Amino acid sequence: MSKAIALPVFIFYLSFVLTITIFERVPTQNPRYELTLFWSYRAIINGMTRLIAENFWNIILFIPIGILLSVLISQKNAWFSIILSLILSAALEVTQLITHRGLFEFDDIIHNVLGAVIGVMLYMLSKNLREKFQDRKKEKGK
């Protein structure tokens, strides 16, 4: 995917993420937050199994972000893509806290970054496979 295509796709996807994580949510009277690290796993163990899906979707949500940032930044800066994903996720969580739209929690940031890491890894894997395929194609053409 070229950067010319990745940029508008990234902007569109980011607007989608903002819509589902902030704009579509009804504000509450007070800010909501959970500052205990890995609280969702303790809650799952104690029977709140609906959190399994929430954690899963928070990971899935950021896989495309990891892929798109990798395309926009390049494979050589995989860590930069991950750091940008961390900043983006933290910004979403802080915005939820400030606007009272959602629950600020460190678990979401961790899951989002995990999704971005998976996205970066998928991008790197596909790029390496594409390069190997092109190399073999060149060798056969000689």
C-alpha atoms as a PDB file:
ATOM      1  CA  MET A   1       0.000   0.000   0.000  1.00  0.00           C
ATOM      2  CA  SER A   2       1.369   3.395  -0.883  1.00  0.00           C
ATOM      3  CA  LYS A   3       1.568   6.335   1.503  1.00  0.00           C
ATOM      4  CA  ALA A   4      -0.816   8.238  -0.784  1.00  0.00           C
ATOM      5  CA  ILE A   5      -3.483   5.619  -0.106  1.00  0.00           C
ATOM      6  CA  ALA A   6      -2.549   4.943   3.525  1.00  0.00           C
ATOM      7  CA  LEU A   7      -2.961   8.561   4.661  1.00  0.00           C
ATOM      8  CA  PRO A   8      -6.637   8.998   3.721  1.00  0.00           C
ATOM      9  CA  VAL A   9      -7.399   5.477   4.966  1.00  0.00           C
ATOM     10  CA  PHE A  10      -5.677   6.342   8.269  1.00  0.00           C
ATOM     11  CA  ILE A  11      -7.655   9.587   8.582  1.00  0.00           C
ATOM     12  CA  PHE A  12     -10.906   7.754   7.825  1.00  0.00           C
ATOM     13  CA  TYR A  13     -10.111   4.972  10.292  1.00  0.00           C
ATOM     14  CA  LEU A  14      -9.086   7.455  12.985  1.00  0.00           C
ATOM     15  CA  SER A  15     -12.403   9.266  12.545  1.00  0.00           C
ATOM     16  CA  PHE A  16     -14.155   5.907  12.931  1.00  0.00           C
ATOM     17  CA  VAL A  17     -12.230   5.215  16.160  1.00  0.00           C
ATOM     18  CA  LEU A  18     -13.058   8.684  17.512  1.00  0.00           C
ATOM     19  CA  THR A  19     -16.723   8.177  16.656  1.00  0.00           C
ATOM     20  CA  ILE A  20     -17.084   4.867  18.499  1.00  0.00           C
ATOM     21  CA  THR A  21     -14.892   5.776  21.470  1.00  0.00           C
ATOM     22  CA  ILE A  22     -15.987   9.379  22.070  1.00  0.00           C
ATOM     23  CA  PHE A  23     -18.588  11.017  19.823  1.00  0.00           C
ATOM     24  CA  GLU A  24     -21.262   8.296  20.031  1.00  0.00           C
ATOM     25  CA  ARG A  25     -21.029   8.013  23.802  1.00  0.00           C
ATOM     26  CA  VAL A  26     -23.388   9.839  26.103  1.00  0.00           C
ATOM     27  CA  PRO A  27     -21.546  11.993  28.644  1.00  0.00           C
ATOM     28  CA  THR A  28     -21.942  11.097  32.301  1.00  0.00           C
ATOM     29  CA  GLN A  29     -22.341  13.495  35.210  1.00  0.00           C
ATOM     30  CA  ASN A  30     -18.863  12.757  36.572  1.00  0.00           C
ATOM     31  CA  PRO A  31     -15.639  11.505  35.042  1.00  0.00           C
ATOM     32  CA  ARG A  32     -15.199   7.732  35.197  1.00  0.00           C
ATOM     33  CA  TYR A  33     -11.819   6.110  35.654  1.00  0.00           C
ATOM     34  CA  GLU A  34     -10.157   2.908  36.815  1.00  0.00           C
ATOM     35  CA  LEU A  35      -6.532   3.409  37.780  1.00  0.00           C
ATOM     36  CA  THR A  36      -5.780  -0.147  38.913  1.00  0.00           C
ATOM     37  CA  LEU A  37      -3.529  -1.859  36.412  1.00  0.00           C
ATOM     38  CA  PHE A  38      -5.043  -5.072  34.968  1.00  0.00           C
ATOM     39  CA  TRP A  39      -8.282  -4.542  36.884  1.00  0.00           C
ATOM     40  CA  SER A  40     -10.232  -6.048  33.970  1.00  0.00           C
ATOM     41  CA  TYR A  41      -8.450  -9.395  34.358  1.00  0.00           C
ATOM     42  CA  ARG A  42      -9.321  -9.538  38.039  1.00  0.00           C
ATOM     43  CA  ALA A  43     -12.910  -8.686  37.154  1.00  0.00           C
ATOM     44  CA  ILE A  44     -12.992 -11.440  34.511  1.00  0.00           C
ATOM     45  CA  ILE A  45     -11.701 -13.961  37.056  1.00  0.00           C
ATOM     46  CA  ASN A  46     -14.483 -12.792  39.389  1.00  0.00           C
ATOM     47  CA  GLY A  47     -17.160 -13.465  36.765  1.00  0.00           C
ATOM     48  CA  MET A  48     -17.405 -10.311  34.626  1.00  0.00           C
ATOM     49  CA  THR A  49     -16.840 -12.297  31.448  1.00  0.00           C
ATOM     50  CA  ARG A  50     -18.220  -9.496  29.210  1.00  0.00           C
ATOM     51  CA  LEU A  51     -14.854  -7.797  29.726  1.00  0.00           C
ATOM     52  CA  ILE A  52     -13.199 -10.532  27.673  1.00  0.00           C
ATOM     53  CA  ALA A  53     -14.936  -9.141  24.588  1.00  0.00           C
ATOM     54  CA  GLU A  54     -14.092  -5.543  25.527  1.00  0.00           C
ATOM     55  CA  ASN A  55     -10.408  -6.387  25.929  1.00  0.00           C
ATOM     56  CA  PHE A  56     -10.427  -8.354  22.681  1.00  0.00           C
ATOM     57  CA  TRP A  57     -12.052  -5.505  20.707  1.00  0.00           C
ATOM     58  CA  ASN A  58      -9.636  -2.946  22.169  1.00  0.00           C
ATOM     59  CA  ILE A  59      -6.801  -5.041  20.751  1.00  0.00           C
ATOM     60  CA  ILE A  60      -8.523  -5.520  17.376  1.00  0.00           C
ATOM     61  CA  LEU A  61      -9.350  -1.796  17.152  1.00  0.00           C
ATOM     62  CA  PHE A  62      -5.682  -0.789  16.985  1.00  0.00           C
ATOM     63  CA  ILE A  63      -4.344  -3.466  14.622  1.00  0.00           C
ATOM     64  CA  PRO A  64      -5.193  -1.330  11.554  1.00  0.00           C
ATOM     65  CA  ILE A  65      -3.578   1.677  13.238  1.00  0.00           C
ATOM     66  CA  GLY A  66      -0.333  -0.269  13.668  1.00  0.00           C
ATOM     67  CA  ILE A  67      -0.434  -1.336  10.019  1.00  0.00           C
ATOM     68  CA  LEU A  68      -1.279   2.115   8.661  1.00  0.00           C
ATOM     69  CA  LEU A  69       1.300   3.916  10.800  1.00  0.00           C
ATOM     70  CA  SER A  70       3.908   1.422   9.601  1.00  0.00           C
ATOM     71  CA  VAL A  71       3.054   2.201   5.997  1.00  0.00           C
ATOM     72  CA  LEU A  72       3.153   5.944   6.660  1.00  0.00           C
ATOM     73  CA  ILE A  73       6.354   5.924   8.718  1.00  0.00           C
ATOM     74  CA  SER A  74       8.226   2.934   7.195  1.00  0.00           C
ATOM     75  CA  GLN A  75       9.393  -0.391   8.541  1.00  0.00           C
ATOM     76  CA  LYS A  76      12.672   1.069   9.808  1.00  0.00           C
ATOM     77  CA  ASN A  77      10.786   3.009  12.472  1.00  0.00           C
ATOM     78  CA  ALA A  78       8.578   0.286  13.946  1.00  0.00           C
ATOM     79  CA  TRP A  79       9.160   1.612  17.452  1.00  0.00           C
ATOM     80  CA  PHE A  80       8.039   5.061  16.363  1.00  0.00           C
ATOM     81  CA  SER A  81       4.760   3.561  15.080  1.00  0.00           C
ATOM     82  CA  ILE A  82       4.254   1.852  18.434  1.00  0.00           C
ATOM     83  CA  ILE A  83       5.056   5.029  20.389  1.00  0.00           C
ATOM     84  CA  LEU A  84       2.611   7.014  18.232  1.00  0.00           C
ATOM     85  CA  SER A  85      -0.025   4.352  18.899  1.00  0.00           C
ATOM     86  CA  LEU A  86       0.617   4.684  22.629  1.00  0.00           C
ATOM     87  CA  ILE A  87       0.245   8.478  22.414  1.00  0.00           C
ATOM     88  CA  LEU A  88      -2.934   8.124  20.353  1.00  0.00           C
ATOM     89  CA  SER A  89      -4.454   5.616  22.767  1.00  0.00           C
ATOM     90  CA  ALA A  90      -3.546   7.736  25.794  1.00  0.00           C
ATOM     91  CA  ALA A  91      -5.037  10.798  24.088  1.00  0.00           C
ATOM     92  CA  LEU A  92      -8.287   8.896  23.483  1.00  0.00           C
ATOM     93  CA  GLU A  93      -8.450   7.807  27.100  1.00  0.00           C
ATOM     94  CA  VAL A  94      -7.701  11.317  28.421  1.00  0.00           C
ATOM     95  CA  THR A  95     -10.347  12.745  26.080  1.00  0.00           C
ATOM     96  CA  GLN A  96     -12.858  10.238  27.472  1.00  0.00           C
ATOM     97  CA  LEU A  97     -11.927  11.343  30.983  1.00  0.00           C
ATOM     98  CA  ILE A  98     -12.177  15.074  30.234  1.00  0.00           C
ATOM     99  CA  THR A  99     -15.420  14.822  28.254  1.00  0.00           C
ATOM    100  CA  HIS A 100     -16.955  12.248  30.640  1.00  0.00           C
ATOM    101  CA  ARG A 101     -17.533   9.909  27.688  1.00  0.00           C
ATOM    102  CA  GLY A 102     -16.314   6.481  28.659  1.00  0.00           C
ATOM    103  CA  LEU A 103     -14.046   4.976  31.253  1.00  0.00           C
ATOM    104  CA  PHE A 104     -10.421   6.088  31.469  1.00  0.00           C
ATOM    105  CA  GLU A 105      -8.327   3.015  32.172  1.00  0.00           C
ATOM    106  CA  PHE A 106      -4.765   1.876  31.709  1.00  0.00           C
ATOM    107  CA  ASP A 107      -5.964  -1.563  30.585  1.00  0.00           C
ATOM    108  CA  ASP A 108      -7.452  -0.025  27.428  1.00  0.00           C
ATOM    109  CA  ILE A 109      -4.160   1.700  26.642  1.00  0.00           C
ATOM    110  CA  ILE A 110      -2.284  -1.580  27.101  1.00  0.00           C
ATOM    111  CA  HIS A 111      -4.743  -3.460  24.875  1.00  0.00           C
ATOM    112  CA  ASN A 112      -4.675  -0.747  22.197  1.00  0.00           C
ATOM    113  CA  VAL A 113      -0.877  -0.761  22.107  1.00  0.00           C
ATOM    114  CA  LEU A 114      -0.874  -4.557  21.953  1.00  0.00           C
ATOM    115  CA  GLY A 115      -3.144  -4.291  18.919  1.00  0.00           C
ATOM    116  CA  ALA A 116      -0.801  -1.744  17.333  1.00  0.00           C
ATOM    117  CA  VAL A 117       2.183  -4.039  17.965  1.00  0.00           C
ATOM    118  CA  ILE A 118       0.306  -6.873  16.239  1.00  0.00           C
ATOM    119  CA  GLY A 119      -0.431  -4.507  13.341  1.00  0.00           C
ATOM    120  CA  VAL A 120       3.226  -3.479  13.055  1.00  0.00           C
ATOM    121  CA  MET A 121       4.295  -7.131  13.127  1.00  0.00           C
ATOM    122  CA  LEU A 122       1.743  -8.047  10.430  1.00  0.00           C
ATOM    123  CA  TYR A 123       3.006  -5.188   8.271  1.00  0.00           C
ATOM    124  CA  MET A 124       6.633  -6.265   8.719  1.00  0.00           C
ATOM    125  CA  LEU A 125       5.764  -9.903   7.970  1.00  0.00           C
ATOM    126  CA  SER A 126       3.824  -9.021   4.824  1.00  0.00           C
ATOM    127  CA  LYS A 127       6.590  -6.685   3.626  1.00  0.00           C
ATOM    128  CA  ASN A 128       9.254  -9.376   4.150  1.00  0.00           C
ATOM    129  CA  LEU A 129       7.142 -11.996   2.361  1.00  0.00           C
ATOM    130  CA  ARG A 130       6.487  -9.606  -0.533  1.00  0.00           C
ATOM    131  CA  GLU A 131      10.222  -8.852  -0.847  1.00  0.00           C
ATOM    132  CA  LYS A 132      11.106 -12.577  -0.821  1.00  0.00           C
ATOM    133  CA  PHE A 133       8.462 -13.248  -3.447  1.00  0.00           C
ATOM    134  CA  GLN A 134       9.799 -10.444  -5.647  1.00  0.00           C
ATOM    135  CA  ASP A 135      13.375 -11.714  -5.213  1.00  0.00           C
ATOM    136  CA  ARG A 136      12.356 -15.222  -6.291  1.00  0.00           C
ATOM    137  CA  LYS A 137      10.472 -13.799  -9.236  1.00  0.00           C
ATOM    138  CA  LYS A 138      13.574 -11.871 -10.330  1.00  0.00           C
ATOM    139  CA  GLU A 139      15.742 -15.013  -9.979  1.00  0.00           C
ATOM    140  CA  LYS A 140      13.388 -17.022 -12.179  1.00  0.00           C
ATOM    141  CA  GLY A 141      13.398 -14.273 -14.782  1.00  0.00           C
ATOM    142  CA  LYS A 142      17.196 -14.403 -15.213  1.00  0.00           C
END
